[in-house]
Amino acid sequence: MKALCRSCLFILLLAGWISAPAEAQTGIVIPDTEAAQHVGQKATVEGVVTAVTTSNKGNTFINFGGEYPHQTFTGWIPKDSELAGGSALADLEGKKIKITGTIDLYKGKPEIKIMSKDQRVPE
């Protein structure tokens, strides 16, 4: 009977772990100023948005810590993302948000590519 109870408890714990949100699974929440130290890792980066811009090609950039090219971190939204062209993006300036994903480098600056709403969590 004890073995059965232990097995059931293990299955419940495993099911809860698998269904945990992405942020909890990464185990890492870091400030935008430390993102460059976590390149190649999946993490949640948090900070205050200083600028939101859209390029001529239709890509949108959410910059933290300063405007391009002096930003500390960027969340970039490709033009083919479900979030592209959203009017609410401009409202992010001055707000503290979190972005979850794999941190890459672009021209020496850390960034996360944003393809879904699940990757951005407003504070």
N, C-alpha and C. Protein backbone atom coordinates (compact mmCIF):
# COMPACT_ATOMS: atom_id res chain seq x y z
N MET A 1 0.82 -1.19 0.00
CA MET A 1 0.00 0.00 0.00
C MET A 1 0.87 1.26 0.00
N LYS A 2 1.96 1.25 0.81
CA LYS A 2 2.86 2.41 0.86
C LYS A 2 3.48 2.67 -0.50
N ALA A 3 3.86 1.59 -1.18
CA ALA A 3 4.48 1.73 -2.51
C ALA A 3 3.49 2.36 -3.49
N LEU A 4 2.24 1.99 -3.40
CA LEU A 4 1.21 2.55 -4.28
C LEU A 4 1.03 4.04 -4.00
N CYS A 5 0.99 4.42 -2.74
CA CYS A 5 0.85 5.83 -2.35
C CYS A 5 2.05 6.65 -2.82
N ARG A 6 3.24 6.12 -2.68
CA ARG A 6 4.45 6.81 -3.14
C ARG A 6 4.42 6.99 -4.65
N SER A 7 4.00 5.96 -5.37
CA SER A 7 3.91 6.03 -6.83
C SER A 7 2.91 7.10 -7.26
N CYS A 8 1.76 7.13 -6.60
CA CYS A 8 0.75 8.15 -6.92
C CYS A 8 1.28 9.55 -6.64
N LEU A 9 1.94 9.74 -5.51
CA LEU A 9 2.50 11.04 -5.17
C LEU A 9 3.55 11.47 -6.20
N PHE A 10 4.41 10.54 -6.60
CA PHE A 10 5.43 10.84 -7.60
C PHE A 10 4.79 11.26 -8.92
N ILE A 11 3.75 10.56 -9.35
CA ILE A 11 3.06 10.89 -10.60
C ILE A 11 2.42 12.27 -10.50
N LEU A 12 1.80 12.59 -9.39
CA LEU A 12 1.19 13.92 -9.20
C LEU A 12 2.26 15.02 -9.24
N LEU A 13 3.37 14.80 -8.58
CA LEU A 13 4.45 15.79 -8.59
C LEU A 13 5.01 15.97 -9.99
N LEU A 14 5.20 14.87 -10.71
CA LEU A 14 5.72 14.94 -12.07
C LEU A 14 4.74 15.67 -12.99
N ALA A 15 3.45 15.39 -12.87
CA ALA A 15 2.44 16.07 -13.69
C ALA A 15 2.43 17.57 -13.40
N GLY A 16 2.56 17.96 -12.15
CA GLY A 16 2.60 19.38 -11.80
C GLY A 16 3.83 20.06 -12.35
N TRP A 17 4.95 19.38 -12.33
CA TRP A 17 6.18 19.97 -12.86
C TRP A 17 6.09 20.17 -14.36
N ILE A 18 5.55 19.20 -15.07
CA ILE A 18 5.45 19.28 -16.52
C ILE A 18 4.50 20.40 -16.94
N SER A 19 3.45 20.63 -16.18
CA SER A 19 2.48 21.64 -16.56
C SER A 19 2.81 23.03 -16.01
N ALA A 20 3.94 23.19 -15.34
CA ALA A 20 4.32 24.49 -14.78
C ALA A 20 4.53 25.51 -15.88
N PRO A 21 4.29 26.79 -15.60
CA PRO A 21 4.49 27.82 -16.62
C PRO A 21 5.94 27.92 -17.06
N ALA A 22 6.16 28.51 -18.25
CA ALA A 22 7.50 28.61 -18.83
C ALA A 22 8.47 29.31 -17.90
N GLU A 23 8.04 30.38 -17.23
CA GLU A 23 8.94 31.12 -16.35
C GLU A 23 9.46 30.24 -15.23
N ALA A 24 8.57 29.43 -14.66
CA ALA A 24 9.00 28.56 -13.57
C ALA A 24 9.94 27.48 -14.09
N GLN A 25 9.73 27.02 -15.31
CA GLN A 25 10.59 25.99 -15.86
C GLN A 25 11.99 26.51 -16.15
N THR A 26 12.12 27.80 -16.52
CA THR A 26 13.45 28.32 -16.80
C THR A 26 14.24 28.42 -15.51
N GLY A 27 13.56 28.74 -14.41
CA GLY A 27 14.24 28.86 -13.14
C GLY A 27 15.11 30.10 -13.04
N ILE A 28 15.20 30.86 -14.11
CA ILE A 28 16.06 32.03 -14.13
C ILE A 28 15.25 33.26 -14.48
N VAL A 29 15.21 34.22 -13.57
CA VAL A 29 14.65 35.54 -13.87
C VAL A 29 15.78 36.53 -13.60
N ILE A 30 16.15 37.26 -14.65
CA ILE A 30 17.31 38.14 -14.53
C ILE A 30 16.96 39.56 -14.96
N PRO A 31 17.65 40.54 -14.41
CA PRO A 31 17.45 41.92 -14.87
C PRO A 31 18.06 42.11 -16.26
N ASP A 32 17.52 43.05 -17.01
CA ASP A 32 18.00 43.31 -18.37
C ASP A 32 19.50 43.59 -18.41
N THR A 33 20.05 44.19 -17.36
CA THR A 33 21.47 44.53 -17.32
C THR A 33 22.38 43.31 -17.24
N GLU A 34 21.82 42.14 -16.89
CA GLU A 34 22.61 40.91 -16.77
C GLU A 34 22.35 39.91 -17.90
N ALA A 35 21.50 40.27 -18.87
CA ALA A 35 21.13 39.34 -19.94
C ALA A 35 22.34 38.88 -20.75
N ALA A 36 23.31 39.75 -20.98
CA ALA A 36 24.49 39.38 -21.78
C ALA A 36 25.29 38.25 -21.14
N GLN A 37 25.14 38.06 -19.84
CA GLN A 37 25.86 37.00 -19.14
C GLN A 37 25.16 35.64 -19.28
N HIS A 38 24.01 35.62 -19.96
CA HIS A 38 23.22 34.40 -20.07
C HIS A 38 22.92 34.03 -21.52
N VAL A 39 23.78 34.42 -22.43
CA VAL A 39 23.59 34.12 -23.86
C VAL A 39 23.55 32.61 -24.06
N GLY A 40 22.57 32.17 -24.86
CA GLY A 40 22.41 30.75 -25.13
C GLY A 40 21.50 30.04 -24.15
N GLN A 41 21.10 30.73 -23.09
CA GLN A 41 20.24 30.13 -22.07
C GLN A 41 18.80 30.60 -22.24
N LYS A 42 17.86 29.74 -21.87
CA LYS A 42 16.47 30.16 -21.81
C LYS A 42 16.28 30.82 -20.45
N ALA A 43 15.74 32.03 -20.47
CA ALA A 43 15.57 32.79 -19.24
C ALA A 43 14.41 33.76 -19.39
N THR A 44 14.02 34.34 -18.27
CA THR A 44 13.06 35.42 -18.26
C THR A 44 13.82 36.68 -17.90
N VAL A 45 13.79 37.65 -18.80
CA VAL A 45 14.50 38.92 -18.59
C VAL A 45 13.46 39.96 -18.22
N GLU A 46 13.75 40.72 -17.16
CA GLU A 46 12.81 41.75 -16.74
C GLU A 46 13.49 43.11 -16.67
N GLY A 47 12.70 44.13 -16.93
CA GLY A 47 13.22 45.49 -16.87
C GLY A 47 12.18 46.49 -17.34
N VAL A 48 12.58 47.75 -17.36
CA VAL A 48 11.69 48.82 -17.79
C VAL A 48 11.95 49.13 -19.26
N VAL A 49 10.89 49.18 -20.04
CA VAL A 49 10.99 49.45 -21.47
C VAL A 49 11.30 50.94 -21.67
N THR A 50 12.38 51.22 -22.39
CA THR A 50 12.76 52.62 -22.65
C THR A 50 12.34 53.09 -24.02
N ALA A 51 12.17 52.16 -24.97
CA ALA A 51 11.76 52.56 -26.32
C ALA A 51 11.16 51.38 -27.06
N VAL A 52 10.13 51.67 -27.86
CA VAL A 52 9.54 50.68 -28.77
C VAL A 52 9.57 51.30 -30.15
N THR A 53 10.25 50.62 -31.09
CA THR A 53 10.37 51.15 -32.45
C THR A 53 10.07 50.06 -33.46
N THR A 54 9.61 50.47 -34.63
CA THR A 54 9.37 49.55 -35.73
C THR A 54 10.22 49.99 -36.91
N SER A 55 10.96 49.05 -37.48
CA SER A 55 11.85 49.35 -38.61
C SER A 55 11.06 49.45 -39.91
N ASN A 56 11.73 49.93 -40.96
CA ASN A 56 11.12 50.01 -42.28
C ASN A 56 10.73 48.63 -42.80
N LYS A 57 11.41 47.59 -42.32
CA LYS A 57 11.13 46.22 -42.75
C LYS A 57 9.95 45.61 -41.98
N GLY A 58 9.44 46.31 -40.96
CA GLY A 58 8.29 45.83 -40.21
C GLY A 58 8.60 45.10 -38.92
N ASN A 59 9.87 44.96 -38.56
CA ASN A 59 10.25 44.34 -37.29
C ASN A 59 10.10 45.36 -36.18
N THR A 60 9.62 44.91 -35.01
CA THR A 60 9.45 45.80 -33.86
C THR A 60 10.47 45.44 -32.80
N PHE A 61 11.03 46.47 -32.16
CA PHE A 61 12.07 46.30 -31.15
C PHE A 61 11.63 46.93 -29.84
N ILE A 62 11.69 46.14 -28.77
CA ILE A 62 11.37 46.62 -27.43
C ILE A 62 12.69 46.72 -26.69
N ASN A 63 13.17 47.95 -26.48
CA ASN A 63 14.48 48.16 -25.87
C ASN A 63 14.38 48.49 -24.38
N PHE A 64 15.32 47.94 -23.64
CA PHE A 64 15.43 48.16 -22.21
C PHE A 64 16.75 48.91 -21.97
N GLY A 65 16.79 49.76 -20.97
CA GLY A 65 18.05 50.38 -20.55
C GLY A 65 18.59 51.48 -21.45
N GLY A 66 17.86 51.89 -22.45
CA GLY A 66 18.30 52.95 -23.35
C GLY A 66 17.80 52.71 -24.76
N GLU A 67 17.88 53.74 -25.57
CA GLU A 67 17.47 53.60 -26.96
C GLU A 67 18.63 53.04 -27.78
N TYR A 68 18.28 52.37 -28.89
CA TYR A 68 19.28 51.81 -29.79
C TYR A 68 20.25 52.90 -30.23
N PRO A 69 21.52 52.69 -30.21
CA PRO A 69 22.27 51.45 -29.98
C PRO A 69 22.81 51.31 -28.55
N HIS A 70 22.23 52.03 -27.61
CA HIS A 70 22.73 52.03 -26.23
C HIS A 70 21.87 51.19 -25.28
N GLN A 71 21.03 50.33 -25.82
CA GLN A 71 20.16 49.50 -25.00
C GLN A 71 20.97 48.42 -24.27
N THR A 72 20.41 47.93 -23.16
CA THR A 72 21.05 46.83 -22.43
C THR A 72 20.48 45.49 -22.88
N PHE A 73 19.26 45.51 -23.44
CA PHE A 73 18.58 44.28 -23.86
C PHE A 73 17.47 44.66 -24.83
N THR A 74 17.18 43.75 -25.78
CA THR A 74 16.10 43.97 -26.74
C THR A 74 15.23 42.73 -26.87
N GLY A 75 13.92 42.96 -26.89
CA GLY A 75 12.97 41.93 -27.31
C GLY A 75 12.57 42.31 -28.72
N TRP A 76 12.80 41.43 -29.70
CA TRP A 76 12.45 41.83 -31.07
C TRP A 76 11.34 40.95 -31.61
N ILE A 77 10.43 41.61 -32.29
CA ILE A 77 9.25 40.96 -32.83
C ILE A 77 9.34 41.00 -34.35
N PRO A 78 9.58 39.85 -34.99
CA PRO A 78 9.64 39.82 -36.46
C PRO A 78 8.29 40.20 -37.06
N LYS A 79 8.32 40.70 -38.27
CA LYS A 79 7.09 41.15 -38.92
C LYS A 79 6.08 40.03 -39.11
N ASP A 80 6.53 38.75 -39.10
CA ASP A 80 5.61 37.63 -39.27
C ASP A 80 5.10 37.05 -37.95
N SER A 81 5.42 37.69 -36.82
CA SER A 81 4.95 37.25 -35.51
C SER A 81 3.48 37.63 -35.34
N GLU A 82 2.77 36.87 -34.51
CA GLU A 82 1.37 37.21 -34.21
C GLU A 82 1.25 38.56 -33.50
N LEU A 83 2.33 39.05 -32.94
CA LEU A 83 2.32 40.33 -32.23
C LEU A 83 2.66 41.52 -33.11
N ALA A 84 3.13 41.26 -34.31
CA ALA A 84 3.60 42.35 -35.18
C ALA A 84 2.49 43.35 -35.45
N GLY A 85 2.87 44.62 -35.38
CA GLY A 85 1.93 45.69 -35.70
C GLY A 85 0.89 45.95 -34.64
N GLY A 86 1.03 45.36 -33.49
CA GLY A 86 0.06 45.60 -32.41
C GLY A 86 0.14 47.02 -31.89
N SER A 87 -1.01 47.68 -31.81
CA SER A 87 -1.01 49.07 -31.36
C SER A 87 -0.68 49.20 -29.88
N ALA A 88 -0.86 48.14 -29.12
CA ALA A 88 -0.59 48.18 -27.68
C ALA A 88 0.91 48.20 -27.37
N LEU A 89 1.74 47.88 -28.35
CA LEU A 89 3.18 47.83 -28.10
C LEU A 89 3.75 49.18 -27.69
N ALA A 90 3.26 50.26 -28.29
CA ALA A 90 3.76 51.59 -27.95
C ALA A 90 3.46 51.94 -26.49
N ASP A 91 2.41 51.36 -25.94
CA ASP A 91 2.04 51.62 -24.55
C ASP A 91 3.00 50.98 -23.55
N LEU A 92 3.93 50.16 -24.03
CA LEU A 92 4.87 49.49 -23.13
C LEU A 92 5.95 50.42 -22.60
N GLU A 93 6.23 51.52 -23.29
CA GLU A 93 7.29 52.43 -22.86
C GLU A 93 7.02 52.90 -21.43
N GLY A 94 8.07 52.78 -20.60
CA GLY A 94 7.98 53.18 -19.20
C GLY A 94 7.44 52.12 -18.28
N LYS A 95 7.02 50.98 -18.82
CA LYS A 95 6.47 49.91 -17.99
C LYS A 95 7.50 48.81 -17.76
N LYS A 96 7.38 48.17 -16.60
CA LYS A 96 8.25 47.04 -16.27
C LYS A 96 7.58 45.79 -16.83
N ILE A 97 8.33 45.04 -17.66
CA ILE A 97 7.80 43.80 -18.24
C ILE A 97 8.84 42.70 -18.15
N LYS A 98 8.40 41.48 -18.45
CA LYS A 98 9.29 40.32 -18.52
C LYS A 98 9.13 39.68 -19.88
N ILE A 99 10.24 39.21 -20.44
CA ILE A 99 10.23 38.49 -21.71
C ILE A 99 10.97 37.18 -21.51
N THR A 100 10.33 36.07 -21.89
CA THR A 100 10.91 34.74 -21.73
C THR A 100 11.31 34.16 -23.08
N GLY A 101 12.49 33.58 -23.13
CA GLY A 101 12.97 32.93 -24.34
C GLY A 101 14.46 32.67 -24.25
N THR A 102 15.03 32.24 -25.36
CA THR A 102 16.47 31.99 -25.42
C THR A 102 17.19 33.29 -25.78
N ILE A 103 18.18 33.63 -25.00
CA ILE A 103 18.93 34.88 -25.21
C ILE A 103 20.00 34.66 -26.26
N ASP A 104 19.97 35.50 -27.29
CA ASP A 104 20.97 35.49 -28.35
C ASP A 104 21.68 36.83 -28.36
N LEU A 105 22.76 36.92 -29.13
CA LEU A 105 23.47 38.20 -29.31
C LEU A 105 23.25 38.71 -30.72
N TYR A 106 23.05 40.02 -30.85
CA TYR A 106 22.99 40.68 -32.15
C TYR A 106 23.83 41.94 -32.04
N LYS A 107 24.89 42.01 -32.82
CA LYS A 107 25.82 43.14 -32.77
C LYS A 107 26.28 43.41 -31.34
N GLY A 108 26.55 42.33 -30.60
CA GLY A 108 27.08 42.44 -29.25
C GLY A 108 26.06 42.75 -28.17
N LYS A 109 24.79 42.81 -28.52
CA LYS A 109 23.73 43.13 -27.54
C LYS A 109 22.81 41.92 -27.37
N PRO A 110 22.40 41.63 -26.12
CA PRO A 110 21.51 40.48 -25.89
C PRO A 110 20.10 40.78 -26.36
N GLU A 111 19.44 39.73 -26.88
CA GLU A 111 18.07 39.88 -27.35
C GLU A 111 17.33 38.56 -27.26
N ILE A 112 16.00 38.64 -27.23
CA ILE A 112 15.14 37.48 -27.32
C ILE A 112 14.15 37.74 -28.45
N LYS A 113 13.99 36.76 -29.32
CA LYS A 113 13.02 36.83 -30.40
C LYS A 113 11.65 36.49 -29.83
N ILE A 114 10.66 37.35 -30.07
CA ILE A 114 9.32 37.17 -29.53
C ILE A 114 8.37 36.76 -30.65
N MET A 115 7.82 35.56 -30.54
CA MET A 115 6.90 35.06 -31.57
C MET A 115 5.48 34.87 -31.05
N SER A 116 5.27 34.91 -29.72
CA SER A 116 3.92 34.71 -29.18
C SER A 116 3.70 35.56 -27.94
N LYS A 117 2.44 35.77 -27.61
CA LYS A 117 2.06 36.56 -26.44
C LYS A 117 2.54 35.91 -25.15
N ASP A 118 2.71 34.61 -25.16
CA ASP A 118 3.13 33.89 -23.96
C ASP A 118 4.53 34.29 -23.50
N GLN A 119 5.32 34.90 -24.38
CA GLN A 119 6.69 35.25 -24.03
C GLN A 119 6.80 36.58 -23.30
N ARG A 120 5.78 37.40 -23.33
CA ARG A 120 5.83 38.72 -22.71
C ARG A 120 4.84 38.77 -21.57
N VAL A 121 5.32 39.14 -20.39
CA VAL A 121 4.47 39.21 -19.20
C VAL A 121 4.58 40.61 -18.60
N PRO A 122 3.53 41.44 -18.71
CA PRO A 122 3.61 42.76 -18.06
C PRO A 122 3.58 42.62 -16.55
N GLU A 123 4.21 43.53 -15.86
CA GLU A 123 4.23 43.54 -14.39
C GLU A 123 2.98 44.20 -13.87
